[in-house]
Amino acid sequence: APPQDAPANEYWVSLNERLGGEFKPTLVAFDTYNEK
């Protein structure tokens, strides 16, 4: 399932803090990986 956006997603908030920047992923389901 896709994640909630920050700040509701506490994991994402913590990830940004730990990396020292903003984590901005493009999330792709594996069955659409080739075309994406």
Full PDB file with SEQRES, HELIX, SHEET, SSBOND, CRYST1, ORIGX, SCALE, CONECT and MASTER records, all heavy atoms in Angstrom:
SEQRES   1 A   36  ALA PRO PRO GLN ASP ALA PRO ALA ASN GLU TYR TRP VAL          
SEQRES   2 A   36  SER LEU ASN GLU ARG LEU GLY GLY GLU PHE LYS PRO THR          
SEQRES   3 A   36  LEU VAL ALA PHE ASP THR TYR ASN GLU LYS                      
HELIX    1 AA1 GLU A   10  LEU A   19  1                                  10    
HELIX    2 AA2 PHE A   30  THR A   32  5                                   3    
CRYST1    1.000    1.000    1.000  90.00  90.00  90.00 P 1           1          
ORIGX1      1.000000  0.000000  0.000000        0.00000                         
ORIGX2      0.000000  1.000000  0.000000        0.00000                         
ORIGX3      0.000000  0.000000  1.000000        0.00000                         
SCALE1      1.000000  0.000000  0.000000        0.00000                         
SCALE2      0.000000  1.000000  0.000000        0.00000                         
SCALE3      0.000000  0.000000  1.000000        0.00000                         
ATOM      1  N   ALA A   1       0.836  -1.202   0.000  1.00  0.00           N  
ATOM      2  CA  ALA A   1       0.000   0.000   0.000  1.00  0.00           C  
ATOM      3  C   ALA A   1       0.872   1.253   0.000  1.00  0.00           C  
ATOM      4  O   ALA A   1       1.965   1.268   0.571  1.00  0.00           O  
ATOM      5  CB  ALA A   1      -0.911   0.000   1.222  1.00  0.00           C  
ATOM      6  N   PRO A   2       0.400   2.331  -0.622  1.00  0.00           N  
ATOM      7  CA  PRO A   2       1.168   3.588  -0.601  1.00  0.00           C  
ATOM      8  C   PRO A   2       1.169   4.196   0.803  1.00  0.00           C  
ATOM      9  O   PRO A   2       0.274   3.937   1.610  1.00  0.00           O  
ATOM     10  CB  PRO A   2       0.409   4.471  -1.596  1.00  0.00           C  
ATOM     11  CG  PRO A   2      -0.970   3.912  -1.637  1.00  0.00           C  
ATOM     12  CD  PRO A   2      -0.830   2.440  -1.421  1.00  0.00           C  
ATOM     13  N   PRO A   3       2.182   5.028   1.086  1.00  0.00           N  
ATOM     14  CA  PRO A   3       2.282   5.602   2.426  1.00  0.00           C  
ATOM     15  C   PRO A   3       1.435   6.853   2.578  1.00  0.00           C  
ATOM     16  O   PRO A   3       1.031   7.483   1.609  1.00  0.00           O  
ATOM     17  CB  PRO A   3       3.767   5.954   2.516  1.00  0.00           C  
ATOM     18  CG  PRO A   3       4.123   6.333   1.098  1.00  0.00           C  
ATOM     19  CD  PRO A   3       3.306   5.412   0.222  1.00  0.00           C  
ATOM     20  N   GLN A   4       1.187   7.205   3.815  1.00  0.00           N  
ATOM     21  CA  GLN A   4       0.624   8.529   4.105  1.00  0.00           C  
ATOM     22  C   GLN A   4       1.707   9.579   3.853  1.00  0.00           C  
ATOM     23  O   GLN A   4       2.900   9.297   3.914  1.00  0.00           O  
ATOM     24  CB  GLN A   4       0.222   8.637   5.576  1.00  0.00           C  
ATOM     25  CG  GLN A   4      -0.822   7.672   6.053  1.00  0.00           C  
ATOM     26  CD  GLN A   4      -1.113   7.904   7.523  1.00  0.00           C  
ATOM     27  OE1 GLN A   4      -2.053   8.614   7.871  1.00  0.00           O  
ATOM     28  NE2 GLN A   4      -0.303   7.324   8.399  1.00  0.00           N  
ATOM     29  N   ASP A   5       1.283  10.797   3.605  1.00  0.00           N  
ATOM     30  CA  ASP A   5       2.239  11.889   3.494  1.00  0.00           C  
ATOM     31  C   ASP A   5       2.666  12.336   4.889  1.00  0.00           C  
ATOM     32  O   ASP A   5       1.957  12.135   5.880  1.00  0.00           O  
ATOM     33  CB  ASP A   5       1.608  13.073   2.755  1.00  0.00           C  
ATOM     34  CG  ASP A   5       1.360  12.771   1.281  1.00  0.00           C  
ATOM     35  OD1 ASP A   5       2.130  11.968   0.714  1.00  0.00           O  
ATOM     36  OD2 ASP A   5       0.406  13.338   0.710  1.00  0.00           O  
ATOM     37  N   ALA A   6       3.848  12.940   4.962  1.00  0.00           N  
ATOM     38  CA  ALA A   6       4.241  13.601   6.203  1.00  0.00           C  
ATOM     39  C   ALA A   6       3.371  14.867   6.353  1.00  0.00           C  
ATOM     40  O   ALA A   6       2.952  15.439   5.346  1.00  0.00           O  
ATOM     41  CB  ALA A   6       5.718  13.962   6.139  1.00  0.00           C  
ATOM     42  N   PRO A   7       3.053  15.286   7.576  1.00  0.00           N  
ATOM     43  CA  PRO A   7       3.580  14.803   8.849  1.00  0.00           C  
ATOM     44  C   PRO A   7       2.802  13.647   9.465  1.00  0.00           C  
ATOM     45  O   PRO A   7       3.192  13.148  10.522  1.00  0.00           O  
ATOM     46  CB  PRO A   7       3.496  16.040   9.740  1.00  0.00           C  
ATOM     47  CG  PRO A   7       2.272  16.749   9.240  1.00  0.00           C  
ATOM     48  CD  PRO A   7       2.268  16.539   7.744  1.00  0.00           C  
ATOM     49  N   ALA A   8       1.685  13.209   8.847  1.00  0.00           N  
ATOM     50  CA  ALA A   8       0.947  12.084   9.418  1.00  0.00           C  
ATOM     51  C   ALA A   8       1.823  10.833   9.465  1.00  0.00           C  
ATOM     52  O   ALA A   8       1.715  10.017  10.387  1.00  0.00           O  
ATOM     53  CB  ALA A   8      -0.323  11.822   8.606  1.00  0.00           C  
ATOM     54  N   ASN A   9       2.689  10.695   8.484  1.00  0.00           N  
ATOM     55  CA  ASN A   9       3.590   9.555   8.412  1.00  0.00           C  
ATOM     56  C   ASN A   9       4.832   9.860   9.250  1.00  0.00           C  
ATOM     57  O   ASN A   9       5.759  10.528   8.799  1.00  0.00           O  
ATOM     58  CB  ASN A   9       3.963   9.294   6.944  1.00  0.00           C  
ATOM     59  CG  ASN A   9       4.816   8.051   6.771  1.00  0.00           C  
ATOM     60  OD1 ASN A   9       5.503   7.612   7.674  1.00  0.00           O  
ATOM     61  ND2 ASN A   9       4.774   7.499   5.564  1.00  0.00           N  
ATOM     62  N   GLU A  10       4.854   9.359  10.467  1.00  0.00           N  
ATOM     63  CA  GLU A  10       5.963   9.649  11.377  1.00  0.00           C  
ATOM     64  C   GLU A  10       7.272   9.029  10.886  1.00  0.00           C  
ATOM     65  O   GLU A  10       8.357   9.547  11.170  1.00  0.00           O  
ATOM     66  CB  GLU A  10       5.635   9.149  12.787  1.00  0.00           C  
ATOM     67  CG  GLU A  10       4.502   9.913  13.456  1.00  0.00           C  
ATOM     68  CD  GLU A  10       4.295   9.487  14.898  1.00  0.00           C  
ATOM     69  OE1 GLU A  10       5.291   9.053  15.540  1.00  0.00           O  
ATOM     70  OE2 GLU A  10       3.157   9.576  15.381  1.00  0.00           O  
ATOM     71  N   TYR A  11       7.175   7.918  10.168  1.00  0.00           N  
ATOM     72  CA  TYR A  11       8.392   7.302   9.617  1.00  0.00           C  
ATOM     73  C   TYR A  11       9.038   8.246   8.606  1.00  0.00           C  
ATOM     74  O   TYR A  11      10.261   8.420   8.592  1.00  0.00           O  
ATOM     75  CB  TYR A  11       8.055   5.962   8.972  1.00  0.00           C  
ATOM     76  CG  TYR A  11       9.262   5.213   8.444  1.00  0.00           C  
ATOM     77  CD1 TYR A  11      10.039   4.413   9.279  1.00  0.00           C  
ATOM     78  CD2 TYR A  11       9.634   5.316   7.105  1.00  0.00           C  
ATOM     79  CE1 TYR A  11      11.153   3.733   8.803  1.00  0.00           C  
ATOM     80  CE2 TYR A  11      10.744   4.635   6.612  1.00  0.00           C  
ATOM     81  CZ  TYR A  11      11.494   3.851   7.463  1.00  0.00           C  
ATOM     82  OH  TYR A  11      12.601   3.182   6.981  1.00  0.00           O  
ATOM     83  N   TRP A  12       8.241   8.856   7.770  1.00  0.00           N  
ATOM     84  CA  TRP A  12       8.758   9.774   6.744  1.00  0.00           C  
ATOM     85  C   TRP A  12       9.387  11.005   7.401  1.00  0.00           C  
ATOM     86  O   TRP A  12      10.458  11.466   6.986  1.00  0.00           O  
ATOM     87  CB  TRP A  12       7.626  10.192   5.813  1.00  0.00           C  
ATOM     88  CG  TRP A  12       8.071  10.658   4.460  1.00  0.00           C  
ATOM     89  CD1 TRP A  12       9.272  11.221   4.135  1.00  0.00           C  
ATOM     90  CD2 TRP A  12       7.312  10.611   3.255  1.00  0.00           C  
ATOM     91  NE1 TRP A  12       9.323  11.515   2.797  1.00  0.00           N  
ATOM     92  CE2 TRP A  12       8.118  11.153   2.229  1.00  0.00           C  
ATOM     93  CE3 TRP A  12       6.024  10.175   2.933  1.00  0.00           C  
ATOM     94  CZ2 TRP A  12       7.681  11.260   0.910  1.00  0.00           C  
ATOM     95  CZ3 TRP A  12       5.596  10.276   1.623  1.00  0.00           C  
ATOM     96  CH2 TRP A  12       6.400  10.815   0.623  1.00  0.00           C  
ATOM     97  N   VAL A  13       8.737  11.511   8.415  1.00  0.00           N  
ATOM     98  CA  VAL A  13       9.281  12.660   9.148  1.00  0.00           C  
ATOM     99  C   VAL A  13      10.653  12.319   9.720  1.00  0.00           C  
ATOM    100  O   VAL A  13      11.626  13.076   9.590  1.00  0.00           O  
ATOM    101  CB  VAL A  13       8.321  13.095  10.269  1.00  0.00           C  
ATOM    102  CG1 VAL A  13       8.978  14.156  11.154  1.00  0.00           C  
ATOM    103  CG2 VAL A  13       7.009  13.614   9.682  1.00  0.00           C  
ATOM    104  N   SER A  14      10.726  11.144  10.349  1.00  0.00           N  
ATOM    105  CA  SER A  14      11.990  10.724  10.951  1.00  0.00           C  
ATOM    106  C   SER A  14      13.045  10.459   9.884  1.00  0.00           C  
ATOM    107  O   SER A  14      14.233  10.769  10.078  1.00  0.00           O  
ATOM    108  CB  SER A  14      11.774   9.463  11.800  1.00  0.00           C  
ATOM    109  OG  SER A  14      12.956   9.072  12.452  1.00  0.00           O  
ATOM    110  N   LEU A  15      12.642   9.907   8.744  1.00  0.00           N  
ATOM    111  CA  LEU A  15      13.583   9.644   7.658  1.00  0.00           C  
ATOM    112  C   LEU A  15      14.215  10.943   7.170  1.00  0.00           C  
ATOM    113  O   LEU A  15      15.438  11.022   6.973  1.00  0.00           O  
ATOM    114  CB  LEU A  15      12.873   8.924   6.511  1.00  0.00           C  
ATOM    115  CG  LEU A  15      13.709   8.614   5.266  1.00  0.00           C  
ATOM    116  CD1 LEU A  15      14.897   7.719   5.612  1.00  0.00           C  
ATOM    117  CD2 LEU A  15      12.841   7.939   4.187  1.00  0.00           C  
ATOM    118  N   ASN A  16      13.401  11.971   6.976  1.00  0.00           N  
ATOM    119  CA  ASN A  16      13.937  13.261   6.543  1.00  0.00           C  
ATOM    120  C   ASN A  16      14.950  13.807   7.549  1.00  0.00           C  
ATOM    121  O   ASN A  16      16.007  14.331   7.178  1.00  0.00           O  
ATOM    122  CB  ASN A  16      12.807  14.271   6.346  1.00  0.00           C  
ATOM    123  CG  ASN A  16      11.959  13.979   5.122  1.00  0.00           C  
ATOM    124  OD1 ASN A  16      12.385  13.274   4.205  1.00  0.00           O  
ATOM    125  ND2 ASN A  16      10.742  14.504   5.106  1.00  0.00           N  
ATOM    126  N   GLU A  17      14.631  13.674   8.815  1.00  0.00           N  
ATOM    127  CA  GLU A  17      15.531  14.172   9.857  1.00  0.00           C  
ATOM    128  C   GLU A  17      16.847  13.397   9.839  1.00  0.00           C  
ATOM    129  O   GLU A  17      17.933  13.983   9.965  1.00  0.00           O  
ATOM    130  CB  GLU A  17      14.867  14.048  11.232  1.00  0.00           C  
ATOM    131  CG  GLU A  17      13.668  14.962  11.428  1.00  0.00           C  
ATOM    132  CD  GLU A  17      12.943  14.705  12.735  1.00  0.00           C  
ATOM    133  OE1 GLU A  17      13.288  13.704  13.413  1.00  0.00           O  
ATOM    134  OE2 GLU A  17      12.034  15.487  13.073  1.00  0.00           O  
ATOM    135  N   ARG A  18      16.758  12.113   9.688  1.00  0.00           N  
ATOM    136  CA  ARG A  18      17.956  11.268   9.735  1.00  0.00           C  
ATOM    137  C   ARG A  18      18.834  11.481   8.499  1.00  0.00           C  
ATOM    138  O   ARG A  18      20.060  11.364   8.583  1.00  0.00           O  
ATOM    139  CB  ARG A  18      17.547   9.804   9.856  1.00  0.00           C  
ATOM    140  CG  ARG A  18      16.937   9.457  11.206  1.00  0.00           C  
ATOM    141  CD  ARG A  18      16.198   8.121  11.159  1.00  0.00           C  
ATOM    142  NE  ARG A  18      15.540   7.814  12.419  1.00  0.00           N  
ATOM    143  CZ  ARG A  18      16.055   7.041  13.375  1.00  0.00           C  
ATOM    144  NH1 ARG A  18      17.254   6.504  13.207  1.00  0.00           N  
ATOM    145  NH2 ARG A  18      15.389   6.806  14.480  1.00  0.00           N  
ATOM    146  N   LEU A  19      18.208  11.736   7.345  1.00  0.00           N  
ATOM    147  CA  LEU A  19      18.982  11.962   6.130  1.00  0.00           C  
ATOM    148  C   LEU A  19      19.544  13.378   6.052  1.00  0.00           C  
ATOM    149  O   LEU A  19      20.499  13.627   5.315  1.00  0.00           O  
ATOM    150  CB  LEU A  19      18.121  11.682   4.891  1.00  0.00           C  
ATOM    151  CG  LEU A  19      17.682  10.239   4.657  1.00  0.00           C  
ATOM    152  CD1 LEU A  19      16.849  10.142   3.381  1.00  0.00           C  
ATOM    153  CD2 LEU A  19      18.878   9.299   4.571  1.00  0.00           C  
ATOM    154  N   GLY A  20      18.939  14.314   6.751  1.00  0.00           N  
ATOM    155  CA  GLY A  20      19.389  15.697   6.688  1.00  0.00           C  
ATOM    156  C   GLY A  20      18.885  16.425   5.462  1.00  0.00           C  
ATOM    157  O   GLY A  20      19.495  17.391   4.996  1.00  0.00           O  
ATOM    158  N   GLY A  21      17.763  15.979   4.936  1.00  0.00           N  
ATOM    159  CA  GLY A  21      17.164  16.584   3.755  1.00  0.00           C  
ATOM    160  C   GLY A  21      15.808  15.968   3.513  1.00  0.00           C  
ATOM    161  O   GLY A  21      15.328  15.139   4.289  1.00  0.00           O  
ATOM    162  N   GLU A  22      15.171  16.365   2.409  1.00  0.00           N  
ATOM    163  CA  GLU A  22      13.828  15.880   2.117  1.00  0.00           C  
ATOM    164  C   GLU A  22      13.889  14.676   1.169  1.00  0.00           C  
ATOM    165  O   GLU A  22      14.469  14.767   0.083  1.00  0.00           O  
ATOM    166  CB  GLU A  22      12.983  16.985   1.487  1.00  0.00           C  
ATOM    167  CG  GLU A  22      11.524  16.594   1.313  1.00  0.00           C  
ATOM    168  CD  GLU A  22      10.677  17.731   0.774  1.00  0.00           C  
ATOM    169  OE1 GLU A  22      11.226  18.848   0.586  1.00  0.00           O  
ATOM    170  OE2 GLU A  22       9.484  17.507   0.528  1.00  0.00           O  
ATOM    171  N   PHE A  23      13.301  13.579   1.598  1.00  0.00           N  
ATOM    172  CA  PHE A  23      13.260  12.347   0.804  1.00  0.00           C  
ATOM    173  C   PHE A  23      12.019  12.393  -0.086  1.00  0.00           C  
ATOM    174  O   PHE A  23      10.895  12.443   0.405  1.00  0.00           O  
ATOM    175  CB  PHE A  23      13.201  11.138   1.745  1.00  0.00           C  
ATOM    176  CG  PHE A  23      13.272   9.810   1.055  1.00  0.00           C  
ATOM    177  CD1 PHE A  23      14.472   9.347   0.524  1.00  0.00           C  
ATOM    178  CD2 PHE A  23      12.147   8.993   0.953  1.00  0.00           C  
ATOM    179  CE1 PHE A  23      14.547   8.105  -0.099  1.00  0.00           C  
ATOM    180  CE2 PHE A  23      12.210   7.765   0.328  1.00  0.00           C  
ATOM    181  CZ  PHE A  23      13.407   7.316  -0.198  1.00  0.00           C  
ATOM    182  N   LYS A  24      12.228  12.413  -1.426  1.00  0.00           N  
ATOM    183  CA  LYS A  24      11.129  12.547  -2.378  1.00  0.00           C  
ATOM    184  C   LYS A  24      11.155  11.370  -3.348  1.00  0.00           C  
ATOM    185  O   LYS A  24      11.813  11.416  -4.388  1.00  0.00           O  
ATOM    186  CB  LYS A  24      11.244  13.875  -3.127  1.00  0.00           C  
ATOM    187  CG  LYS A  24      11.147  15.109  -2.233  1.00  0.00           C  
ATOM    188  CD  LYS A  24      11.066  16.392  -3.038  1.00  0.00           C  
ATOM    189  CE  LYS A  24       9.753  16.475  -3.790  1.00  0.00           C  
ATOM    190  NZ  LYS A  24       9.592  17.803  -4.480  1.00  0.00           N  
ATOM    191  N   PRO A  25      10.428  10.288  -3.003  1.00  0.00           N  
ATOM    192  CA  PRO A  25      10.466   9.094  -3.846  1.00  0.00           C  
ATOM    193  C   PRO A  25       9.394   9.101  -4.934  1.00  0.00           C  
ATOM    194  O   PRO A  25       8.316   9.682  -4.775  1.00  0.00           O  
ATOM    195  CB  PRO A  25      10.185   7.981  -2.839  1.00  0.00           C  
ATOM    196  CG  PRO A  25       9.232   8.616  -1.860  1.00  0.00           C  
ATOM    197  CD  PRO A  25       9.676  10.061  -1.752  1.00  0.00           C  
ATOM    198  N   THR A  26       9.717   8.459  -6.044  1.00  0.00           N  
ATOM    199  CA  THR A  26       8.710   8.031  -7.015  1.00  0.00           C  
ATOM    200  C   THR A  26       8.497   6.546  -6.769  1.00  0.00           C  
ATOM    201  O   THR A  26       9.415   5.741  -6.955  1.00  0.00           O  
ATOM    202  CB  THR A  26       9.190   8.264  -8.459  1.00  0.00           C  
ATOM    203  OG1 THR A  26       9.370   9.666  -8.670  1.00  0.00           O  
ATOM    204  CG2 THR A  26       8.184   7.721  -9.458  1.00  0.00           C  
ATOM    205  N   LEU A  27       7.299   6.188  -6.299  1.00  0.00           N  
ATOM    206  CA  LEU A  27       7.002   4.816  -5.894  1.00  0.00           C  
ATOM    207  C   LEU A  27       6.257   4.111  -7.013  1.00  0.00           C  
ATOM    208  O   LEU A  27       5.201   4.571  -7.460  1.00  0.00           O  
ATOM    209  CB  LEU A  27       6.180   4.812  -4.606  1.00  0.00           C  
ATOM    210  CG  LEU A  27       6.826   5.543  -3.416  1.00  0.00           C  
ATOM    211  CD1 LEU A  27       5.860   5.605  -2.244  1.00  0.00           C  
ATOM    212  CD2 LEU A  27       8.123   4.853  -3.001  1.00  0.00           C  
ATOM    213  N   VAL A  28       6.794   2.979  -7.449  1.00  0.00           N  
ATOM    214  CA  VAL A  28       6.280   2.284  -8.630  1.00  0.00           C  
ATOM    215  C   VAL A  28       5.974   0.840  -8.282  1.00  0.00           C  
ATOM    216  O   VAL A  28       6.851   0.102  -7.801  1.00  0.00           O  
ATOM    217  CB  VAL A  28       7.311   2.336  -9.775  1.00  0.00           C  
ATOM    218  CG1 VAL A  28       6.796   1.601 -10.993  1.00  0.00           C  
ATOM    219  CG2 VAL A  28       7.672   3.771 -10.119  1.00  0.00           C  
ATOM    220  N   ALA A  29       4.733   0.418  -8.502  1.00  0.00           N  
ATOM    221  CA  ALA A  29       4.379  -0.990  -8.312  1.00  0.00           C  
ATOM    222  C   ALA A  29       5.209  -1.837  -9.272  1.00  0.00           C  
ATOM    223  O   ALA A  29       5.437  -1.462 -10.427  1.00  0.00           O  
ATOM    224  CB  ALA A  29       2.894  -1.207  -8.560  1.00  0.00           C  
ATOM    225  N   PHE A  30       5.660  -3.006  -8.804  1.00  0.00           N  
ATOM    226  CA  PHE A  30       6.588  -3.790  -9.614  1.00  0.00           C  
ATOM    227  C   PHE A  30       5.975  -4.244 -10.938  1.00  0.00           C  
ATOM    228  O   PHE A  30       6.681  -4.369 -11.939  1.00  0.00           O  
ATOM    229  CB  PHE A  30       7.104  -5.004  -8.828  1.00  0.00           C  
ATOM    230  CG  PHE A  30       8.290  -5.663  -9.494  1.00  0.00           C  
ATOM    231  CD1 PHE A  30       9.509  -5.007  -9.557  1.00  0.00           C  
ATOM    232  CD2 PHE A  30       8.189  -6.918 -10.066  1.00  0.00           C  
ATOM    233  CE1 PHE A  30      10.612  -5.586 -10.166  1.00  0.00           C  
ATOM    234  CE2 PHE A  30       9.278  -7.507 -10.683  1.00  0.00           C  
ATOM    235  CZ  PHE A  30      10.491  -6.843 -10.731  1.00  0.00           C  
ATOM    236  N   ASP A  31       4.666  -4.479 -10.964  1.00  0.00           N  
ATOM    237  CA  ASP A  31       4.053  -4.927 -12.220  1.00  0.00           C  
ATOM    238  C   ASP A  31       3.981  -3.811 -13.256  1.00  0.00           C  
ATOM    239  O   ASP A  31       3.654  -4.059 -14.422  1.00  0.00           O  
ATOM    240  CB  ASP A  31       2.671  -5.546 -11.982  1.00  0.00           C  
ATOM    241  CG  ASP A  31       1.695  -4.601 -11.299  1.00  0.00           C  
ATOM    242  OD1 ASP A  31       2.074  -3.450 -11.007  1.00  0.00           O  
ATOM    243  OD2 ASP A  31       0.551  -5.016 -11.057  1.00  0.00           O  
ATOM    244  N   THR A  32       4.258  -2.573 -12.861  1.00  0.00           N  
ATOM    245  CA  THR A  32       4.324  -1.471 -13.829  1.00  0.00           C  
ATOM    246  C   THR A  32       5.743  -0.917 -13.953  1.00  0.00           C  
ATOM    247  O   THR A  32       5.949   0.127 -14.569  1.00  0.00           O  
ATOM    248  CB  THR A  32       3.372  -0.329 -13.423  1.00  0.00           C  
ATOM    249  OG1 THR A  32       3.799   0.246 -12.177  1.00  0.00           O  
ATOM    250  CG2 THR A  32       1.937  -0.821 -13.287  1.00  0.00           C  
ATOM    251  N   TYR A  33       6.706  -1.637 -13.384  1.00  0.00           N  
ATOM    252  CA  TYR A  33       8.083  -1.147 -13.343  1.00  0.00           C  
ATOM    253  C   TYR A  33       8.621  -0.862 -14.744  1.00  0.00           C  
ATOM    254  O   TYR A  33       9.210   0.191 -14.995  1.00  0.00           O  
ATOM    255  CB  TYR A  33       8.974  -2.166 -12.630  1.00  0.00           C  
ATOM    256  CG  TYR A  33      10.447  -1.812 -12.646  1.00  0.00           C  
ATOM    257  CD1 TYR A  33      10.994  -1.033 -11.635  1.00  0.00           C  
ATOM    258  CD2 TYR A  33      11.285  -2.242 -13.669  1.00  0.00           C  
ATOM    259  CE1 TYR A  33      12.350  -0.695 -11.644  1.00  0.00           C  
ATOM    260  CE2 TYR A  33      12.633  -1.907 -13.688  1.00  0.00           C  
ATOM    261  CZ  TYR A  33      13.160  -1.141 -12.676  1.00  0.00           C  
ATOM    262  OH  TYR A  33      14.490  -0.805 -12.702  1.00  0.00           O  
ATOM    263  N   ASN A  34       8.434  -1.792 -15.685  1.00  0.00           N  
ATOM    264  CA  ASN A  34       9.002  -1.640 -17.024  1.00  0.00           C  
ATOM    265  C   ASN A  34       8.530  -0.357 -17.702  1.00  0.00           C  
ATOM    266  O   ASN A  34       9.338   0.437 -18.201  1.00  0.00           O  
ATOM    267  CB  ASN A  34       8.637  -2.854 -17.887  1.00  0.00           C  
ATOM    268  CG  ASN A  34       9.363  -4.110 -17.441  1.00  0.00           C  
ATOM    269  OD1 ASN A  34      10.106  -4.101 -16.471  1.00  0.00           O  
ATOM    270  ND2 ASN A  34       9.131  -5.203 -18.143  1.00  0.00           N  
ATOM    271  N   GLU A  35       7.219  -0.170 -17.716  1.00  0.00           N  
ATOM    272  CA  GLU A  35       6.698   0.996 -18.430  1.00  0.00           C  
ATOM    273  C   GLU A  35       7.050   2.293 -17.713  1.00  0.00           C  
ATOM    274  O   GLU A  35       7.343   3.318 -18.352  1.00  0.00           O  
ATOM    275  CB  GLU A  35       5.188   0.879 -18.624  1.00  0.00           C  
ATOM    276  CG  GLU A  35       4.377   0.795 -17.345  1.00  0.00           C  
ATOM    277  CD  GLU A  35       2.895   0.561 -17.617  1.00  0.00           C  
ATOM    278  OE1 GLU A  35       2.510  -0.606 -17.817  1.00  0.00           O  
ATOM    279  OE2 GLU A  35       2.150   1.556 -17.626  1.00  0.00           O  
ATOM    280  N   LYS A  36       7.052   2.280 -16.384  1.00  0.00           N  
ATOM    281  CA  LYS A  36       7.400   3.488 -15.636  1.00  0.00           C  
ATOM    282  C   LYS A  36       8.872   3.837 -15.811  1.00  0.00           C  
ATOM    283  O   LYS A  36       9.236   5.017 -15.918  1.00  0.00           O  
ATOM    284  CB  LYS A  36       7.063   3.309 -14.153  1.00  0.00           C  
ATOM    285  CG  LYS A  36       5.576   3.147 -13.859  1.00  0.00           C  
ATOM    286  CD  LYS A  36       4.799   4.425 -14.158  1.00  0.00           C  
ATOM    287  CE  LYS A  36       3.345   4.280 -13.712  1.00  0.00           C  
ATOM    288  NZ  LYS A  36       2.548   5.494 -14.005  1.00  0.00           N  
TER     289      LYS A  36                                                      
MASTER        0    0    0    2    0    0    0    6  288    1    0    3          
END                                                                             
